[in-house]
Amino acid sequence: MKGKIFWSPVLFLLLLASPACDKEEEIPLSGTATIDSKLTFSDDKQTYVIYGFLFSDARRVPFPGSVKPDITVYNDESSVSLMTGNYLDSFYLEGEYNDAASAVSAFNGLKTVNPAMITWTGMASPLAEGQVWVYRTDREQYAKIRIIELETGTHEDKVYASCTFEWAFQPDGSTNFPAR
């Protein structure tokens, strides 16, 4: 009898835990992120890195690193830009808006892109708050980006830029952005 009492709770706990082990966390297809060009020392890499953004993982990633970010932000002292290391012309300025409400409306209203009708550029430059950009990866996946806030300054005697943006990503290569 004692053996049955002891094993029953153990089996119950194992059965309870097993479905949770099989679940993968779903990667978001949209959100808000901030990246910057401040050089930060990485203890695990033993070098200085900046943080860019990787849309397919919905996260900031260090550069250089084992995973290359889709975009990084750059300040050349005269303007702020979004850059990519994929060697493609990957940015398209969909529009510039004078107020946040108009930019949000344009961003939310952008449901699809027609890549054949777009003249792509190598950088998103110059960046400004209230812009809406389309980005294409080297895997022909698309993201839309709304610039929310830009900050520039100096950090450890070097100029930097910080960019906060709203984004939505289409991971399957279609040109339709996911519904929120």
N, C-alpha and C. Protein backbone atom coordinates (compact mmCIF):
# COMPACT_ATOMS: atom_id res chain seq x y z
N MET A 1 0.83 -1.20 0.00
CA MET A 1 0.00 0.00 0.00
C MET A 1 0.87 1.25 0.00
N LYS A 2 1.94 1.23 0.81
CA LYS A 2 2.80 2.40 0.87
C LYS A 2 3.42 2.69 -0.49
N GLY A 3 3.85 1.63 -1.21
CA GLY A 3 4.46 1.80 -2.52
C GLY A 3 3.52 2.47 -3.50
N LYS A 4 2.25 2.11 -3.45
CA LYS A 4 1.27 2.70 -4.36
C LYS A 4 1.06 4.18 -4.05
N ILE A 5 1.04 4.52 -2.79
CA ILE A 5 0.85 5.92 -2.40
C ILE A 5 2.05 6.75 -2.86
N PHE A 6 3.26 6.21 -2.71
CA PHE A 6 4.48 6.93 -3.10
C PHE A 6 4.57 7.10 -4.61
N TRP A 7 4.30 6.05 -5.37
CA TRP A 7 4.44 6.11 -6.82
C TRP A 7 3.33 6.91 -7.48
N SER A 8 2.16 6.89 -6.96
CA SER A 8 1.05 7.62 -7.59
C SER A 8 1.32 9.11 -7.71
N PRO A 9 1.73 9.79 -6.66
CA PRO A 9 2.03 11.22 -6.81
C PRO A 9 3.19 11.48 -7.76
N VAL A 10 4.21 10.60 -7.75
CA VAL A 10 5.35 10.77 -8.64
C VAL A 10 4.91 10.64 -10.09
N LEU A 11 4.12 9.61 -10.39
CA LEU A 11 3.62 9.43 -11.75
C LEU A 11 2.73 10.59 -12.17
N PHE A 12 1.89 11.02 -11.25
CA PHE A 12 1.01 12.15 -11.53
C PHE A 12 1.81 13.39 -11.90
N LEU A 13 2.87 13.68 -11.14
CA LEU A 13 3.71 14.84 -11.43
C LEU A 13 4.44 14.70 -12.75
N LEU A 14 4.92 13.51 -13.06
CA LEU A 14 5.58 13.28 -14.35
C LEU A 14 4.62 13.48 -15.52
N LEU A 15 3.42 12.96 -15.38
CA LEU A 15 2.43 13.14 -16.44
C LEU A 15 2.04 14.60 -16.60
N LEU A 16 1.95 15.30 -15.51
CA LEU A 16 1.62 16.72 -15.54
C LEU A 16 2.71 17.52 -16.23
N ALA A 17 3.96 17.19 -15.99
CA ALA A 17 5.10 17.93 -16.54
C ALA A 17 5.37 17.60 -17.99
N SER A 18 5.06 16.41 -18.45
CA SER A 18 5.44 16.00 -19.80
C SER A 18 4.82 16.83 -20.91
N PRO A 19 3.55 17.22 -20.88
CA PRO A 19 3.04 18.05 -21.97
C PRO A 19 3.75 19.42 -22.05
N ALA A 20 4.15 19.94 -20.91
CA ALA A 20 4.82 21.24 -20.91
C ALA A 20 6.18 21.16 -21.58
N CYS A 21 6.83 20.01 -21.53
CA CYS A 21 8.14 19.85 -22.15
C CYS A 21 8.05 19.87 -23.67
N ASP A 22 6.91 19.45 -24.21
CA ASP A 22 6.75 19.37 -25.66
C ASP A 22 6.39 20.71 -26.29
N LYS A 23 5.92 21.65 -25.51
CA LYS A 23 5.49 22.93 -26.05
C LYS A 23 6.68 23.83 -26.36
N GLU A 24 6.70 24.37 -27.58
CA GLU A 24 7.70 25.37 -27.94
C GLU A 24 7.08 26.74 -27.74
N GLU A 25 7.89 27.66 -27.27
CA GLU A 25 7.40 29.01 -27.11
C GLU A 25 7.24 29.65 -28.48
N GLU A 26 6.10 30.23 -28.72
CA GLU A 26 5.82 30.85 -30.02
C GLU A 26 6.57 32.17 -30.13
N ILE A 27 7.24 32.37 -31.25
CA ILE A 27 7.98 33.61 -31.48
C ILE A 27 7.01 34.67 -31.98
N PRO A 28 6.99 35.84 -31.34
CA PRO A 28 6.09 36.91 -31.77
C PRO A 28 6.39 37.37 -33.19
N LEU A 29 5.36 37.80 -33.89
CA LEU A 29 5.52 38.33 -35.25
C LEU A 29 5.44 39.84 -35.29
N SER A 30 5.27 40.46 -34.14
CA SER A 30 5.23 41.92 -34.09
C SER A 30 5.57 42.37 -32.67
N GLY A 31 5.88 43.64 -32.54
CA GLY A 31 6.20 44.18 -31.23
C GLY A 31 6.88 45.52 -31.34
N THR A 32 7.52 45.91 -30.25
CA THR A 32 8.28 47.15 -30.17
C THR A 32 9.66 46.80 -29.63
N ALA A 33 10.68 47.41 -30.20
CA ALA A 33 12.05 47.12 -29.79
C ALA A 33 12.88 48.39 -29.81
N THR A 34 13.99 48.36 -29.09
CA THR A 34 14.97 49.45 -29.12
C THR A 34 16.34 48.83 -29.37
N ILE A 35 17.04 49.39 -30.35
CA ILE A 35 18.43 49.00 -30.61
C ILE A 35 19.28 50.25 -30.54
N ASP A 36 20.57 50.07 -30.27
CA ASP A 36 21.45 51.23 -30.24
C ASP A 36 22.84 50.86 -30.73
N SER A 37 23.63 51.87 -30.96
CA SER A 37 24.99 51.65 -31.48
C SER A 37 26.05 51.88 -30.41
N LYS A 38 25.65 51.84 -29.14
CA LYS A 38 26.62 51.96 -28.06
C LYS A 38 27.48 50.71 -28.00
N LEU A 39 28.78 50.88 -28.00
CA LEU A 39 29.67 49.74 -27.84
C LEU A 39 29.58 49.26 -26.39
N THR A 40 29.29 47.99 -26.22
CA THR A 40 29.14 47.38 -24.90
C THR A 40 30.09 46.20 -24.81
N PHE A 41 30.81 46.08 -23.71
CA PHE A 41 31.71 44.94 -23.57
C PHE A 41 30.92 43.70 -23.20
N SER A 42 31.11 42.64 -23.96
CA SER A 42 30.44 41.36 -23.73
C SER A 42 31.41 40.43 -23.01
N ASP A 43 31.10 40.10 -21.76
CA ASP A 43 31.97 39.21 -20.98
C ASP A 43 32.10 37.84 -21.63
N ASP A 44 30.98 37.30 -22.14
CA ASP A 44 31.06 35.96 -22.72
C ASP A 44 31.79 35.95 -24.06
N LYS A 45 31.76 37.05 -24.82
CA LYS A 45 32.47 37.11 -26.10
C LYS A 45 33.86 37.73 -25.97
N GLN A 46 34.11 38.37 -24.83
CA GLN A 46 35.39 39.06 -24.56
C GLN A 46 35.74 40.06 -25.66
N THR A 47 34.72 40.80 -26.11
CA THR A 47 34.92 41.85 -27.10
C THR A 47 33.79 42.86 -26.96
N TYR A 48 33.90 43.97 -27.67
CA TYR A 48 32.84 44.98 -27.70
C TYR A 48 31.83 44.63 -28.77
N VAL A 49 30.56 44.83 -28.47
CA VAL A 49 29.48 44.53 -29.40
C VAL A 49 28.49 45.69 -29.42
N ILE A 50 27.70 45.74 -30.47
CA ILE A 50 26.50 46.57 -30.50
C ILE A 50 25.32 45.62 -30.62
N TYR A 51 24.13 46.10 -30.34
CA TYR A 51 22.95 45.26 -30.41
C TYR A 51 22.07 45.68 -31.57
N GLY A 52 21.82 44.72 -32.46
CA GLY A 52 20.88 44.90 -33.55
C GLY A 52 19.63 44.09 -33.27
N PHE A 53 18.80 43.94 -34.30
CA PHE A 53 17.53 43.22 -34.13
C PHE A 53 17.41 42.13 -35.18
N LEU A 54 16.97 40.95 -34.75
CA LEU A 54 16.74 39.82 -35.63
C LEU A 54 15.24 39.53 -35.65
N PHE A 55 14.58 39.83 -36.77
CA PHE A 55 13.13 39.70 -36.86
C PHE A 55 12.67 38.26 -36.68
N SER A 56 13.37 37.30 -37.26
CA SER A 56 12.92 35.90 -37.20
C SER A 56 12.93 35.35 -35.78
N ASP A 57 13.71 35.93 -34.89
CA ASP A 57 13.72 35.51 -33.49
C ASP A 57 13.05 36.54 -32.57
N ALA A 58 12.64 37.65 -33.14
CA ALA A 58 11.97 38.71 -32.38
C ALA A 58 12.79 39.14 -31.17
N ARG A 59 14.10 39.40 -31.41
CA ARG A 59 14.95 39.76 -30.27
C ARG A 59 16.17 40.56 -30.72
N ARG A 60 16.72 41.26 -29.74
CA ARG A 60 17.99 41.96 -29.93
C ARG A 60 19.10 40.91 -29.91
N VAL A 61 20.08 41.08 -30.80
CA VAL A 61 21.22 40.17 -30.82
C VAL A 61 22.51 40.98 -30.92
N PRO A 62 23.59 40.49 -30.28
CA PRO A 62 24.86 41.22 -30.33
C PRO A 62 25.54 41.03 -31.69
N PHE A 63 26.22 42.10 -32.10
CA PHE A 63 27.03 42.03 -33.32
C PHE A 63 28.41 42.59 -33.01
N PRO A 64 29.49 41.88 -33.28
CA PRO A 64 29.48 40.56 -33.90
C PRO A 64 29.01 39.50 -32.93
N GLY A 65 28.53 38.40 -33.50
CA GLY A 65 28.05 37.28 -32.70
C GLY A 65 27.79 36.08 -33.56
N SER A 66 27.29 35.02 -32.96
CA SER A 66 27.05 33.79 -33.71
C SER A 66 25.86 33.92 -34.66
N VAL A 67 24.94 34.84 -34.36
CA VAL A 67 23.78 35.11 -35.21
C VAL A 67 23.88 36.56 -35.66
N LYS A 68 23.74 36.80 -36.95
CA LYS A 68 23.83 38.15 -37.49
C LYS A 68 22.47 38.84 -37.39
N PRO A 69 22.40 40.04 -36.82
CA PRO A 69 21.13 40.75 -36.78
C PRO A 69 20.68 41.16 -38.18
N ASP A 70 19.37 41.31 -38.36
CA ASP A 70 18.86 41.83 -39.63
C ASP A 70 19.21 43.30 -39.78
N ILE A 71 19.02 44.07 -38.70
CA ILE A 71 19.27 45.51 -38.78
C ILE A 71 20.10 45.98 -37.58
N THR A 72 20.88 47.02 -37.82
CA THR A 72 21.59 47.74 -36.77
C THR A 72 21.36 49.23 -37.02
N VAL A 73 21.59 50.03 -36.00
CA VAL A 73 21.43 51.48 -36.14
C VAL A 73 22.82 52.11 -36.14
N TYR A 74 22.96 53.18 -36.91
CA TYR A 74 24.26 53.82 -37.11
C TYR A 74 24.10 55.33 -37.08
N ASN A 75 25.04 56.01 -36.45
CA ASN A 75 25.05 57.47 -36.40
C ASN A 75 26.38 57.95 -36.97
N ASP A 76 26.32 58.64 -38.11
CA ASP A 76 27.56 59.15 -38.71
C ASP A 76 27.80 60.62 -38.37
N GLU A 77 27.15 61.11 -37.34
CA GLU A 77 27.21 62.48 -36.84
C GLU A 77 26.38 63.47 -37.65
N SER A 78 25.99 63.12 -38.89
CA SER A 78 25.12 64.00 -39.65
C SER A 78 23.72 63.44 -39.78
N SER A 79 23.59 62.11 -39.68
CA SER A 79 22.27 61.48 -39.74
C SER A 79 22.32 60.10 -39.09
N VAL A 80 21.13 59.59 -38.81
CA VAL A 80 20.99 58.26 -38.22
C VAL A 80 20.40 57.35 -39.30
N SER A 81 20.90 56.12 -39.36
CA SER A 81 20.47 55.17 -40.39
C SER A 81 20.23 53.80 -39.78
N LEU A 82 19.38 53.02 -40.44
CA LEU A 82 19.31 51.59 -40.19
C LEU A 82 20.13 50.93 -41.28
N MET A 83 20.94 49.95 -40.88
CA MET A 83 21.80 49.26 -41.84
C MET A 83 21.56 47.76 -41.75
N THR A 84 21.99 47.05 -42.77
CA THR A 84 21.91 45.60 -42.79
C THR A 84 23.21 45.05 -43.35
N GLY A 85 23.54 43.85 -42.99
CA GLY A 85 24.75 43.22 -43.49
C GLY A 85 24.45 42.15 -44.52
N ASN A 86 23.29 42.21 -45.17
CA ASN A 86 22.92 41.13 -46.10
C ASN A 86 23.32 41.41 -47.55
N TYR A 87 23.99 42.51 -47.78
CA TYR A 87 24.51 42.85 -49.12
C TYR A 87 23.43 43.02 -50.18
N LEU A 88 22.21 43.33 -49.75
CA LEU A 88 21.11 43.62 -50.66
C LEU A 88 20.61 45.04 -50.40
N ASP A 89 20.05 45.66 -51.41
CA ASP A 89 19.27 46.86 -51.16
C ASP A 89 17.99 46.36 -50.50
N SER A 90 17.81 46.71 -49.22
CA SER A 90 16.78 46.05 -48.42
C SER A 90 15.76 46.97 -47.79
N PHE A 91 15.84 48.28 -48.00
CA PHE A 91 14.94 49.21 -47.33
C PHE A 91 14.11 49.99 -48.33
N TYR A 92 12.88 50.27 -47.94
CA TYR A 92 11.99 51.11 -48.74
C TYR A 92 11.22 52.02 -47.80
N LEU A 93 11.28 53.32 -48.06
CA LEU A 93 10.54 54.29 -47.25
C LEU A 93 9.11 54.36 -47.76
N GLU A 94 8.19 53.81 -46.97
CA GLU A 94 6.77 53.81 -47.35
C GLU A 94 6.17 55.19 -47.17
N GLY A 95 6.60 55.91 -46.12
CA GLY A 95 6.06 57.24 -45.91
C GLY A 95 6.64 57.93 -44.69
N GLU A 96 6.50 59.25 -44.67
CA GLU A 96 6.92 60.07 -43.53
C GLU A 96 5.68 60.82 -43.05
N TYR A 97 5.46 60.81 -41.74
CA TYR A 97 4.24 61.36 -41.18
C TYR A 97 4.58 62.36 -40.09
N ASN A 98 3.82 63.46 -40.06
CA ASN A 98 4.11 64.57 -39.15
C ASN A 98 3.69 64.30 -37.71
N ASP A 99 2.80 63.35 -37.51
CA ASP A 99 2.36 63.08 -36.14
C ASP A 99 2.26 61.57 -35.93
N ALA A 100 2.32 61.18 -34.67
CA ALA A 100 2.33 59.76 -34.32
C ALA A 100 1.05 59.05 -34.77
N ALA A 101 -0.09 59.71 -34.65
CA ALA A 101 -1.35 59.07 -35.03
C ALA A 101 -1.37 58.73 -36.52
N SER A 102 -0.87 59.61 -37.35
CA SER A 102 -0.82 59.33 -38.79
C SER A 102 0.15 58.20 -39.10
N ALA A 103 1.29 58.18 -38.41
CA ALA A 103 2.27 57.11 -38.63
C ALA A 103 1.70 55.76 -38.19
N VAL A 104 1.02 55.73 -37.05
CA VAL A 104 0.39 54.49 -36.56
C VAL A 104 -0.65 54.02 -37.56
N SER A 105 -1.46 54.93 -38.06
CA SER A 105 -2.50 54.59 -39.03
C SER A 105 -1.88 54.01 -40.31
N ALA A 106 -0.82 54.64 -40.80
CA ALA A 106 -0.15 54.15 -42.01
C ALA A 106 0.48 52.77 -41.76
N PHE A 107 1.12 52.61 -40.62
CA PHE A 107 1.74 51.34 -40.27
C PHE A 107 0.68 50.23 -40.20
N ASN A 108 -0.40 50.49 -39.49
CA ASN A 108 -1.47 49.50 -39.35
C ASN A 108 -2.16 49.23 -40.68
N GLY A 109 -2.23 50.24 -41.55
CA GLY A 109 -2.88 50.09 -42.85
C GLY A 109 -2.01 49.39 -43.89
N LEU A 110 -0.73 49.25 -43.63
CA LEU A 110 0.18 48.58 -44.57
C LEU A 110 0.01 47.07 -44.39
N LYS A 111 -0.78 46.46 -45.23
CA LYS A 111 -1.11 45.03 -45.11
C LYS A 111 -0.28 44.15 -46.04
N THR A 112 0.23 44.71 -47.13
CA THR A 112 0.96 43.92 -48.11
C THR A 112 1.98 44.81 -48.82
N VAL A 113 2.99 44.19 -49.38
CA VAL A 113 3.98 44.90 -50.20
C VAL A 113 4.07 44.21 -51.55
N ASN A 114 4.43 44.98 -52.56
CA ASN A 114 4.65 44.44 -53.88
C ASN A 114 6.12 44.68 -54.23
N PRO A 115 6.99 43.72 -53.92
CA PRO A 115 8.43 43.93 -54.09
C PRO A 115 8.84 44.35 -55.49
N ALA A 116 8.12 43.90 -56.50
CA ALA A 116 8.46 44.25 -57.88
C ALA A 116 8.25 45.73 -58.17
N MET A 117 7.41 46.38 -57.38
CA MET A 117 7.08 47.79 -57.60
C MET A 117 7.89 48.73 -56.70
N ILE A 118 8.80 48.16 -55.92
CA ILE A 118 9.54 48.95 -54.94
C ILE A 118 10.96 49.21 -55.43
N THR A 119 11.43 50.43 -55.23
CA THR A 119 12.83 50.75 -55.46
C THR A 119 13.52 50.68 -54.11
N TRP A 120 14.29 49.62 -53.91
CA TRP A 120 14.95 49.37 -52.63
C TRP A 120 16.23 50.19 -52.52
N THR A 121 16.60 50.55 -51.28
CA THR A 121 17.86 51.25 -51.02
C THR A 121 18.70 50.42 -50.05
N GLY A 122 19.98 50.74 -50.00
CA GLY A 122 20.90 49.97 -49.16
C GLY A 122 20.79 50.26 -47.68
N MET A 123 20.34 51.47 -47.32
CA MET A 123 20.18 51.85 -45.91
C MET A 123 18.86 52.58 -45.77
N ALA A 124 18.32 52.56 -44.56
CA ALA A 124 17.16 53.40 -44.22
C ALA A 124 17.76 54.70 -43.69
N SER A 125 17.85 55.69 -44.56
CA SER A 125 18.57 56.91 -44.19
C SER A 125 18.05 58.10 -44.97
N PRO A 126 17.98 59.26 -44.33
CA PRO A 126 18.12 59.48 -42.89
C PRO A 126 16.84 59.06 -42.17
N LEU A 127 17.01 58.52 -40.97
CA LEU A 127 15.86 58.13 -40.15
C LEU A 127 15.25 59.35 -39.49
N ALA A 128 13.94 59.29 -39.30
CA ALA A 128 13.24 60.34 -38.56
C ALA A 128 12.04 59.70 -37.87
N GLU A 129 11.67 60.25 -36.75
CA GLU A 129 10.47 59.78 -36.06
C GLU A 129 9.27 59.98 -36.98
N GLY A 130 8.36 59.03 -36.98
CA GLY A 130 7.16 59.13 -37.79
C GLY A 130 7.30 58.49 -39.17
N GLN A 131 8.43 57.89 -39.46
CA GLN A 131 8.59 57.21 -40.75
C GLN A 131 8.09 55.77 -40.65
N VAL A 132 7.65 55.24 -41.80
CA VAL A 132 7.30 53.83 -41.92
C VAL A 132 8.16 53.26 -43.05
N TRP A 133 8.91 52.20 -42.74
CA TRP A 133 9.82 51.56 -43.67
C TRP A 133 9.40 50.12 -43.90
N VAL A 134 9.76 49.59 -45.08
CA VAL A 134 9.64 48.16 -45.35
C VAL A 134 11.06 47.64 -45.46
N TYR A 135 11.31 46.48 -44.87
CA TYR A 135 12.62 45.84 -44.90
C TYR A 135 12.47 44.44 -45.48
N ARG A 136 13.42 44.03 -46.34
CA ARG A 136 13.42 42.65 -46.82
C ARG A 136 14.73 41.98 -46.40
N THR A 137 14.61 40.74 -45.96
CA THR A 137 15.78 39.99 -45.53
C THR A 137 16.43 39.35 -46.75
N ASP A 138 17.57 38.74 -46.53
CA ASP A 138 18.23 38.01 -47.61
C ASP A 138 17.52 36.70 -47.94
N ARG A 139 16.49 36.35 -47.16
CA ARG A 139 15.67 35.17 -47.42
C ARG A 139 14.33 35.55 -48.03
N GLU A 140 14.23 36.80 -48.51
CA GLU A 140 12.99 37.32 -49.12
C GLU A 140 11.81 37.23 -48.15
N GLN A 141 12.07 37.59 -46.90
CA GLN A 141 11.01 37.76 -45.92
C GLN A 141 10.91 39.26 -45.66
N TYR A 142 9.76 39.71 -45.20
CA TYR A 142 9.51 41.15 -45.10
C TYR A 142 9.12 41.57 -43.70
N ALA A 143 9.53 42.79 -43.36
CA ALA A 143 9.13 43.41 -42.10
C ALA A 143 8.70 44.84 -42.40
N LYS A 144 7.77 45.32 -41.63
CA LYS A 144 7.45 46.75 -41.69
C LYS A 144 7.89 47.34 -40.37
N ILE A 145 8.36 48.58 -40.44
CA ILE A 145 8.98 49.24 -39.29
C ILE A 145 8.43 50.65 -39.17
N ARG A 146 7.97 51.01 -37.98
CA ARG A 146 7.55 52.40 -37.71
C ARG A 146 8.52 52.99 -36.70
N ILE A 147 9.18 54.08 -37.08
CA ILE A 147 10.15 54.72 -36.20
C ILE A 147 9.38 55.53 -35.15
N ILE A 148 9.56 55.15 -33.89
CA ILE A 148 8.85 55.80 -32.78
C ILE A 148 9.71 56.88 -32.15
N GLU A 149 10.96 56.55 -31.86
CA GLU A 149 11.83 57.51 -31.17
C GLU A 149 13.27 57.32 -31.59
N LEU A 150 13.96 58.42 -31.79
CA LEU A 150 15.40 58.41 -32.07
C LEU A 150 16.10 59.23 -31.00
N GLU A 151 17.26 58.76 -30.61
CA GLU A 151 18.09 59.49 -29.65
C GLU A 151 19.53 59.42 -30.16
N THR A 152 20.23 60.53 -30.05
CA THR A 152 21.65 60.54 -30.40
C THR A 152 22.42 61.17 -29.26
N GLY A 153 23.70 60.88 -29.21
CA GLY A 153 24.53 61.44 -28.15
C GLY A 153 25.91 60.85 -28.22
N THR A 154 26.64 60.99 -27.11
CA THR A 154 27.96 60.38 -27.02
C THR A 154 27.98 59.41 -25.85
N HIS A 155 28.73 58.35 -26.04
CA HIS A 155 28.89 57.32 -25.01
C HIS A 155 30.36 56.91 -25.05
N GLU A 156 31.05 57.12 -23.94
CA GLU A 156 32.48 56.84 -23.87
C GLU A 156 33.23 57.49 -25.04
N ASP A 157 32.94 58.78 -25.26
CA ASP A 157 33.58 59.61 -26.28
C ASP A 157 33.30 59.17 -27.72
N LYS A 158 32.29 58.38 -27.95
CA LYS A 158 31.91 57.97 -29.30
C LYS A 158 30.44 58.34 -29.51
N VAL A 159 30.12 58.79 -30.74
CA VAL A 159 28.72 59.11 -31.03
C VAL A 159 27.92 57.81 -31.11
N TYR A 160 26.67 57.88 -30.73
CA TYR A 160 25.79 56.72 -30.82
C TYR A 160 24.40 57.17 -31.23
N ALA A 161 23.61 56.19 -31.61
CA ALA A 161 22.20 56.42 -31.89
C ALA A 161 21.41 55.31 -31.23
N SER A 162 20.21 55.63 -30.82
CA SER A 162 19.27 54.67 -30.29
C SER A 162 17.97 54.84 -31.06
N CYS A 163 17.37 53.73 -31.44
CA CYS A 163 16.14 53.77 -32.24
C CYS A 163 15.12 52.83 -31.62
N THR A 164 13.96 53.38 -31.29
CA THR A 164 12.83 52.59 -30.82
C THR A 164 11.85 52.50 -31.97
N PHE A 165 11.40 51.29 -32.27
CA PHE A 165 10.53 51.10 -33.43
C PHE A 165 9.48 50.02 -33.15
N GLU A 166 8.37 50.16 -33.82
CA GLU A 166 7.35 49.13 -33.85
C GLU A 166 7.60 48.31 -35.11
N TRP A 167 7.36 47.02 -35.04
CA TRP A 167 7.66 46.17 -36.19
C TRP A 167 6.62 45.06 -36.32
N ALA A 168 6.48 44.57 -37.55
CA ALA A 168 5.70 43.37 -37.83
C ALA A 168 6.47 42.60 -38.90
N PHE A 169 6.53 41.29 -38.76
CA PHE A 169 7.37 40.45 -39.60
C PHE A 169 6.55 39.36 -40.28
N GLN A 170 6.85 39.09 -41.54
CA GLN A 170 6.20 38.02 -42.29
C GLN A 170 7.23 36.91 -42.53
N PRO A 171 7.23 35.86 -41.70
CA PRO A 171 8.30 34.86 -41.76
C PRO A 171 8.19 33.86 -42.91
N ASP A 172 7.03 33.75 -43.54
CA ASP A 172 6.88 32.70 -44.55
C ASP A 172 7.21 33.16 -45.98
N GLY A 173 7.66 34.39 -46.12
CA GLY A 173 8.06 34.86 -47.45
C GLY A 173 6.92 35.45 -48.26
N SER A 174 5.68 35.37 -47.75
CA SER A 174 4.60 36.03 -48.48
C SER A 174 4.74 37.53 -48.29
N THR A 175 4.00 38.28 -49.03
CA THR A 175 4.09 39.74 -48.95
C THR A 175 2.96 40.34 -48.13
N ASN A 176 2.21 39.50 -47.43
CA ASN A 176 1.12 39.98 -46.58
C ASN A 176 1.57 39.95 -45.13
N PHE A 177 1.40 41.09 -44.45
CA PHE A 177 1.77 41.15 -43.04
C PHE A 177 0.71 40.53 -42.17
N PRO A 178 1.13 39.89 -41.07
CA PRO A 178 0.16 39.23 -40.19
C PRO A 178 -0.77 40.24 -39.54
N ALA A 179 -1.99 39.79 -39.32
CA ALA A 179 -2.94 40.63 -38.60
C ALA A 179 -2.52 40.70 -37.15
N ARG A 180 -2.79 41.80 -36.50
CA ARG A 180 -2.43 41.94 -35.08
C ARG A 180 -3.36 41.13 -34.22
